[in-house]
Amino acid sequence: MKVLKLVFTSDSSKKHTLTCATPDPLLTAEKVKEEMEIIAQAHLCLDNGEQLYFKPQSAKYVETVETTVFTA
């Protein structure tokens, strides 16, 4: 399973990650950064007045490999 992890810092400099479960694997770095800027400017997530997705920091695809040990 492949996900896209978008890492932001909050307006109090804490790290927060937004995970996209079904990302387009052909996204360019420029497009991802552009979309992260839009998310940050939208002020979508606030927690006690803290803007969680304040400044884009990084983005990466993460692939998880599942290996079955046994099935019943």
PDB file of N, CA and C in Angstrom:
ATOM      1  N   MET A   1       0.846  -1.171   0.000  1.00  0.00           N
ATOM      2  CA  MET A   1       0.000   0.000   0.000  1.00  0.00           C
ATOM      3  C   MET A   1       0.894   1.237   0.000  1.00  0.00           C
ATOM      4  N   LYS A   2       0.596   2.182  -0.870  1.00  0.00           N
ATOM      5  CA  LYS A   2       1.376   3.402  -0.984  1.00  0.00           C
ATOM      6  C   LYS A   2       0.535   4.584  -0.546  1.00  0.00           C
ATOM      7  N   VAL A   3       1.088   5.418   0.339  1.00  0.00           N
ATOM      8  CA  VAL A   3       0.406   6.629   0.798  1.00  0.00           C
ATOM      9  C   VAL A   3       1.343   7.812   0.574  1.00  0.00           C
ATOM     10  N   LEU A   4       0.764   9.002   0.576  1.00  0.00           N
ATOM     11  CA  LEU A   4       1.544  10.227   0.476  1.00  0.00           C
ATOM     12  C   LEU A   4       1.443  10.950   1.806  1.00  0.00           C
ATOM     13  N   LYS A   5       2.576  11.191   2.448  1.00  0.00           N
ATOM     14  CA  LYS A   5       2.600  11.872   3.749  1.00  0.00           C
ATOM     15  C   LYS A   5       3.051  13.310   3.539  1.00  0.00           C
ATOM     16  N   LEU A   6       2.191  14.243   3.954  1.00  0.00           N
ATOM     17  CA  LEU A   6       2.475  15.666   3.854  1.00  0.00           C
ATOM     18  C   LEU A   6       2.793  16.175   5.250  1.00  0.00           C
ATOM     19  N   VAL A   7       3.976  16.710   5.431  1.00  0.00           N
ATOM     20  CA  VAL A   7       4.411  17.170   6.748  1.00  0.00           C
ATOM     21  C   VAL A   7       4.374  18.697   6.778  1.00  0.00           C
ATOM     22  N   PHE A   8       3.697  19.206   7.802  1.00  0.00           N
ATOM     23  CA  PHE A   8       3.573  20.648   8.017  1.00  0.00           C
ATOM     24  C   PHE A   8       4.083  20.974   9.411  1.00  0.00           C
ATOM     25  N   THR A   9       4.393  22.249   9.648  1.00  0.00           N
ATOM     26  CA  THR A   9       4.579  22.721  11.007  1.00  0.00           C
ATOM     27  C   THR A   9       3.396  23.612  11.336  1.00  0.00           C
ATOM     28  N   SER A  10       3.014  23.586  12.599  1.00  0.00           N
ATOM     29  CA  SER A  10       1.915  24.432  13.056  1.00  0.00           C
ATOM     30  C   SER A  10       2.452  25.832  13.311  1.00  0.00           C
ATOM     31  N   ASP A  11       1.556  26.758  13.627  1.00  0.00           N
ATOM     32  CA  ASP A  11       2.017  28.114  13.920  1.00  0.00           C
ATOM     33  C   ASP A  11       2.759  28.192  15.252  1.00  0.00           C
ATOM     34  N   SER A  12       2.800  27.084  16.002  1.00  0.00           N
ATOM     35  CA  SER A  12       3.623  27.033  17.212  1.00  0.00           C
ATOM     36  C   SER A  12       4.824  26.087  17.015  1.00  0.00           C
ATOM     37  N   SER A  13       5.157  25.818  15.752  1.00  0.00           N
ATOM     38  CA  SER A  13       6.337  25.039  15.344  1.00  0.00           C
ATOM     39  C   SER A  13       6.294  23.551  15.689  1.00  0.00           C
ATOM     40  N   LYS A  14       5.104  22.999  15.899  1.00  0.00           N
ATOM     41  CA  LYS A  14       4.976  21.554  16.110  1.00  0.00           C
ATOM     42  C   LYS A  14       4.760  20.875  14.761  1.00  0.00           C
ATOM     43  N   LYS A  15       5.251  19.643  14.628  1.00  0.00           N
ATOM     44  CA  LYS A  15       5.095  18.874  13.390  1.00  0.00           C
ATOM     45  C   LYS A  15       3.745  18.177  13.342  1.00  0.00           C
ATOM     46  N   HIS A  16       3.090  18.239  12.165  1.00  0.00           N
ATOM     47  CA  HIS A  16       1.824  17.538  11.947  1.00  0.00           C
ATOM     48  C   HIS A  16       1.858  16.918  10.557  1.00  0.00           C
ATOM     49  N   THR A  17       1.327  15.706  10.454  1.00  0.00           N
ATOM     50  CA  THR A  17       1.341  14.979   9.183  1.00  0.00           C
ATOM     51  C   THR A  17      -0.077  14.727   8.703  1.00  0.00           C
ATOM     52  N   LEU A  18      -0.291  15.006   7.439  1.00  0.00           N
ATOM     53  CA  LEU A  18      -1.552  14.726   6.770  1.00  0.00           C
ATOM     54  C   LEU A  18      -1.266  13.595   5.786  1.00  0.00           C
ATOM     55  N   THR A  19      -2.005  12.489   5.886  1.00  0.00           N
ATOM     56  CA  THR A  19      -1.752  11.317   5.044  1.00  0.00           C
ATOM     57  C   THR A  19      -2.852  11.161   4.002  1.00  0.00           C
ATOM     58  N   CYS A  20      -2.438  11.059   2.742  1.00  0.00           N
ATOM     59  CA  CYS A  20      -3.367  10.823   1.623  1.00  0.00           C
ATOM     60  C   CYS A  20      -3.321   9.332   1.303  1.00  0.00           C
ATOM     61  N   ALA A  21      -4.459   8.668   1.450  1.00  0.00           N
ATOM     62  CA  ALA A  21      -4.500   7.209   1.325  1.00  0.00           C
ATOM     63  C   ALA A  21      -4.394   6.713  -0.115  1.00  0.00           C
ATOM     64  N   THR A  22      -4.898   7.467  -1.070  1.00  0.00           N
ATOM     65  CA  THR A  22      -4.860   7.015  -2.469  1.00  0.00           C
ATOM     66  C   THR A  22      -4.293   8.118  -3.361  1.00  0.00           C
ATOM     67  N   PRO A  23      -3.001   8.386  -3.241  1.00  0.00           N
ATOM     68  CA  PRO A  23      -2.413   9.478  -4.013  1.00  0.00           C
ATOM     69  C   PRO A  23      -2.142   9.098  -5.462  1.00  0.00           C
ATOM     70  N   ASP A  24      -2.064  10.097  -6.296  1.00  0.00           N
ATOM     71  CA  ASP A  24      -1.651   9.908  -7.684  1.00  0.00           C
ATOM     72  C   ASP A  24      -0.132   9.749  -7.682  1.00  0.00           C
ATOM     73  N   PRO A  25       0.404   8.615  -8.100  1.00  0.00           N
ATOM     74  CA  PRO A  25       1.851   8.396  -8.045  1.00  0.00           C
ATOM     75  C   PRO A  25       2.634   9.257  -9.041  1.00  0.00           C
ATOM     76  N   LEU A  26       1.935   9.946  -9.938  1.00  0.00           N
ATOM     77  CA  LEU A  26       2.604  10.761 -10.949  1.00  0.00           C
ATOM     78  C   LEU A  26       2.668  12.237 -10.583  1.00  0.00           C
ATOM     79  N   LEU A  27       2.286  12.592  -9.362  1.00  0.00           N
ATOM     80  CA  LEU A  27       2.352  13.988  -8.935  1.00  0.00           C
ATOM     81  C   LEU A  27       3.795  14.475  -8.936  1.00  0.00           C
ATOM     82  N   THR A  28       3.983  15.708  -9.374  1.00  0.00           N
ATOM     83  CA  THR A  28       5.319  16.301  -9.350  1.00  0.00           C
ATOM     84  C   THR A  28       5.544  16.984  -8.009  1.00  0.00           C
ATOM     85  N   ALA A  29       6.792  17.217  -7.689  1.00  0.00           N
ATOM     86  CA  ALA A  29       7.130  17.916  -6.448  1.00  0.00           C
ATOM     87  C   ALA A  29       6.504  19.310  -6.435  1.00  0.00           C
ATOM     88  N   GLU A  30       6.512  19.974  -7.577  1.00  0.00           N
ATOM     89  CA  GLU A  30       5.946  21.318  -7.668  1.00  0.00           C
ATOM     90  C   GLU A  30       4.447  21.312  -7.380  1.00  0.00           C
ATOM     91  N   LYS A  31       3.738  20.341  -7.931  1.00  0.00           N
ATOM     92  CA  LYS A  31       2.287  20.249  -7.732  1.00  0.00           C
ATOM     93  C   LYS A  31       1.959  19.943  -6.272  1.00  0.00           C
ATOM     94  N   VAL A  32       2.705  19.024  -5.658  1.00  0.00           N
ATOM     95  CA  VAL A  32       2.470  18.677  -4.258  1.00  0.00           C
ATOM     96  C   VAL A  32       2.702  19.902  -3.374  1.00  0.00           C
ATOM     97  N   LYS A  33       3.806  20.615  -3.614  1.00  0.00           N
ATOM     98  CA  LYS A  33       4.103  21.803  -2.814  1.00  0.00           C
ATOM     99  C   LYS A  33       3.023  22.872  -3.005  1.00  0.00           C
ATOM    100  N   GLU A  34       2.576  23.057  -4.236  1.00  0.00           N
ATOM    101  CA  GLU A  34       1.512  24.019  -4.533  1.00  0.00           C
ATOM    102  C   GLU A  34       0.234  23.671  -3.760  1.00  0.00           C
ATOM    103  N   GLU A  35      -0.140  22.397  -3.762  1.00  0.00           N
ATOM    104  CA  GLU A  35      -1.343  21.962  -3.051  1.00  0.00           C
ATOM    105  C   GLU A  35      -1.187  22.098  -1.538  1.00  0.00           C
ATOM    106  N   MET A  36       0.031  21.839  -1.037  1.00  0.00           N
ATOM    107  CA  MET A  36       0.278  22.001   0.397  1.00  0.00           C
ATOM    108  C   MET A  36       0.139  23.478   0.804  1.00  0.00           C
ATOM    109  N   GLU A  37       0.580  24.373  -0.059  1.00  0.00           N
ATOM    110  CA  GLU A  37       0.425  25.816   0.204  1.00  0.00           C
ATOM    111  C   GLU A  37      -1.054  26.190   0.272  1.00  0.00           C
ATOM    112  N   ILE A  38      -1.855  25.611  -0.610  1.00  0.00           N
ATOM    113  CA  ILE A  38      -3.306  25.870  -0.614  1.00  0.00           C
ATOM    114  C   ILE A  38      -3.924  25.382   0.692  1.00  0.00           C
ATOM    115  N   ILE A  39      -3.518  24.197   1.136  1.00  0.00           N
ATOM    116  CA  ILE A  39      -4.026  23.659   2.406  1.00  0.00           C
ATOM    117  C   ILE A  39      -3.657  24.601   3.555  1.00  0.00           C
ATOM    118  N   ALA A  40      -2.406  25.055   3.562  1.00  0.00           N
ATOM    119  CA  ALA A  40      -1.951  25.940   4.641  1.00  0.00           C
ATOM    120  C   ALA A  40      -2.723  27.257   4.636  1.00  0.00           C
ATOM    121  N   GLN A  41      -2.963  27.818   3.468  1.00  0.00           N
ATOM    122  CA  GLN A  41      -3.662  29.100   3.364  1.00  0.00           C
ATOM    123  C   GLN A  41      -5.148  28.990   3.676  1.00  0.00           C
ATOM    124  N   ALA A  42      -5.694  27.774   3.628  1.00  0.00           N
ATOM    125  CA  ALA A  42      -7.127  27.580   3.881  1.00  0.00           C
ATOM    126  C   ALA A  42      -7.474  27.559   5.369  1.00  0.00           C
ATOM    127  N   HIS A  43      -6.455  27.444   6.239  1.00  0.00           N
ATOM    128  CA  HIS A  43      -6.680  27.407   7.691  1.00  0.00           C
ATOM    129  C   HIS A  43      -7.718  26.344   8.054  1.00  0.00           C
ATOM    130  N   LEU A  44      -7.547  25.138   7.516  1.00  0.00           N
ATOM    131  CA  LEU A  44      -8.541  24.070   7.669  1.00  0.00           C
ATOM    132  C   LEU A  44      -8.637  23.490   9.074  1.00  0.00           C
ATOM    133  N   CYS A  45      -7.513  23.287   9.707  1.00  0.00           N
ATOM    134  CA  CYS A  45      -7.527  22.584  10.995  1.00  0.00           C
ATOM    135  C   CYS A  45      -6.971  23.457  12.108  1.00  0.00           C
ATOM    136  N   LEU A  46      -7.834  23.757  13.059  1.00  0.00           N
ATOM    137  CA  LEU A  46      -7.434  24.519  14.232  1.00  0.00           C
ATOM    138  C   LEU A  46      -7.657  23.669  15.471  1.00  0.00           C
ATOM    139  N   ASP A  47      -6.725  23.758  16.419  1.00  0.00           N
ATOM    140  CA  ASP A  47      -6.854  23.049  17.685  1.00  0.00           C
ATOM    141  C   ASP A  47      -6.546  24.043  18.796  1.00  0.00           C
ATOM    142  N   ASN A  48      -7.573  24.447  19.516  1.00  0.00           N
ATOM    143  CA  ASN A  48      -7.421  25.464  20.566  1.00  0.00           C
ATOM    144  C   ASN A  48      -6.725  26.717  20.049  1.00  0.00           C
ATOM    145  N   GLY A  49      -7.108  27.135  18.853  1.00  0.00           N
ATOM    146  CA  GLY A  49      -6.555  28.343  18.265  1.00  0.00           C
ATOM    147  C   GLY A  49      -5.249  28.151  17.518  1.00  0.00           C
ATOM    148  N   GLU A  50      -4.672  26.959  17.589  1.00  0.00           N
ATOM    149  CA  GLU A  50      -3.411  26.668  16.897  1.00  0.00           C
ATOM    150  C   GLU A  50      -3.714  26.158  15.491  1.00  0.00           C
ATOM    151  N   GLN A  51      -3.108  26.791  14.479  1.00  0.00           N
ATOM    152  CA  GLN A  51      -3.277  26.319  13.108  1.00  0.00           C
ATOM    153  C   GLN A  51      -2.316  25.160  12.884  1.00  0.00           C
ATOM    154  N   LEU A  52      -2.872  23.947  12.676  1.00  0.00           N
ATOM    155  CA  LEU A  52      -2.050  22.741  12.604  1.00  0.00           C
ATOM    156  C   LEU A  52      -1.242  22.642  11.314  1.00  0.00           C
ATOM    157  N   TYR A  53      -1.832  22.990  10.185  1.00  0.00           N
ATOM    158  CA  TYR A  53      -1.144  22.898   8.892  1.00  0.00           C
ATOM    159  C   TYR A  53      -0.772  24.306   8.440  1.00  0.00           C
ATOM    160  N   PHE A  54       0.222  24.900   9.108  1.00  0.00           N
ATOM    161  CA  PHE A  54       0.584  26.297   8.919  1.00  0.00           C
ATOM    162  C   PHE A  54       1.621  26.490   7.811  1.00  0.00           C
ATOM    163  N   LYS A  55       2.674  25.646   7.813  1.00  0.00           N
ATOM    164  CA  LYS A  55       3.756  25.808   6.843  1.00  0.00           C
ATOM    165  C   LYS A  55       4.204  24.450   6.315  1.00  0.00           C
ATOM    166  N   PRO A  56       4.163  24.250   4.986  1.00  0.00           N
ATOM    167  CA  PRO A  56       4.619  22.985   4.412  1.00  0.00           C
ATOM    168  C   PRO A  56       6.104  22.756   4.689  1.00  0.00           C
ATOM    169  N   GLN A  57       6.452  21.519   5.075  1.00  0.00           N
ATOM    170  CA  GLN A  57       7.838  21.167   5.360  1.00  0.00           C
ATOM    171  C   GLN A  57       8.395  20.122   4.397  1.00  0.00           C
ATOM    172  N   SER A  58       7.611  19.053   4.150  1.00  0.00           N
ATOM    173  CA  SER A  58       8.095  17.996   3.267  1.00  0.00           C
ATOM    174  C   SER A  58       6.934  17.113   2.842  1.00  0.00           C
ATOM    175  N   ALA A  59       7.204  16.291   1.838  1.00  0.00           N
ATOM    176  CA  ALA A  59       6.220  15.315   1.370  1.00  0.00           C
ATOM    177  C   ALA A  59       6.982  14.085   0.895  1.00  0.00           C
ATOM    178  N   LYS A  60       6.395  12.914   1.157  1.00  0.00           N
ATOM    179  CA  LYS A  60       7.049  11.685   0.702  1.00  0.00           C
ATOM    180  C   LYS A  60       6.016  10.584   0.522  1.00  0.00           C
ATOM    181  N   TYR A  61       6.313   9.720  -0.437  1.00  0.00           N
ATOM    182  CA  TYR A  61       5.518   8.513  -0.599  1.00  0.00           C
ATOM    183  C   TYR A  61       6.064   7.477   0.370  1.00  0.00           C
ATOM    184  N   VAL A  62       5.160   6.769   1.044  1.00  0.00           N
ATOM    185  CA  VAL A  62       5.557   5.702   1.958  1.00  0.00           C
ATOM    186  C   VAL A  62       4.833   4.438   1.511  1.00  0.00           C
ATOM    187  N   GLU A  63       5.605   3.399   1.293  1.00  0.00           N
ATOM    188  CA  GLU A  63       5.037   2.132   0.834  1.00  0.00           C
ATOM    189  C   GLU A  63       5.169   1.096   1.941  1.00  0.00           C
ATOM    190  N   THR A  64       4.060   0.454   2.277  1.00  0.00           N
ATOM    191  CA  THR A  64       4.034  -0.568   3.311  1.00  0.00           C
ATOM    192  C   THR A  64       3.887  -1.933   2.647  1.00  0.00           C
ATOM    193  N   VAL A  65       4.723  -2.851   3.056  1.00  0.00           N
ATOM    194  CA  VAL A  65       4.665  -4.212   2.532  1.00  0.00           C
ATOM    195  C   VAL A  65       4.123  -5.114   3.633  1.00  0.00           C
ATOM    196  N   GLU A  66       3.042  -5.819   3.328  1.00  0.00           N
ATOM    197  CA  GLU A  66       2.471  -6.767   4.277  1.00  0.00           C
ATOM    198  C   GLU A  66       2.895  -8.174   3.883  1.00  0.00           C
ATOM    199  N   THR A  67       3.346  -8.920   4.873  1.00  0.00           N
ATOM    200  CA  THR A  67       3.736 -10.305   4.645  1.00  0.00           C
ATOM    201  C   THR A  67       2.912 -11.192   5.563  1.00  0.00           C
ATOM    202  N   THR A  68       2.132 -12.083   4.983  1.00  0.00           N
ATOM    203  CA  THR A  68       1.298 -12.983   5.755  1.00  0.00           C
ATOM    204  C   THR A  68       2.157 -14.039   6.428  1.00  0.00           C
ATOM    205  N   VAL A  69       1.952 -14.200   7.715  1.00  0.00           N
ATOM    206  CA  VAL A  69       2.688 -15.228   8.472  1.00  0.00           C
ATOM    207  C   VAL A  69       1.908 -16.531   8.404  1.00  0.00           C
ATOM    208  N   PHE A  70       0.584 -16.440   8.617  1.00  0.00           N
ATOM    209  CA  PHE A  70      -0.266 -17.612   8.454  1.00  0.00           C
ATOM    210  C   PHE A  70      -1.713 -17.147   8.305  1.00  0.00           C
ATOM    211  N   THR A  71      -2.546 -18.023   7.774  1.00  0.00           N
ATOM    212  CA  THR A  71      -3.983 -17.772   7.689  1.00  0.00           C
ATOM    213  C   THR A  71      -4.703 -18.968   8.242  1.00  0.00           C
ATOM    214  N   ALA A  72      -5.865 -18.730   8.802  1.00  0.00           N
ATOM    215  CA  ALA A  72      -6.641 -19.826   9.403  1.00  0.00           C
ATOM    216  C   ALA A  72      -7.609 -20.393   8.386  1.00  0.00           C
TER     217      ALA A  72
END
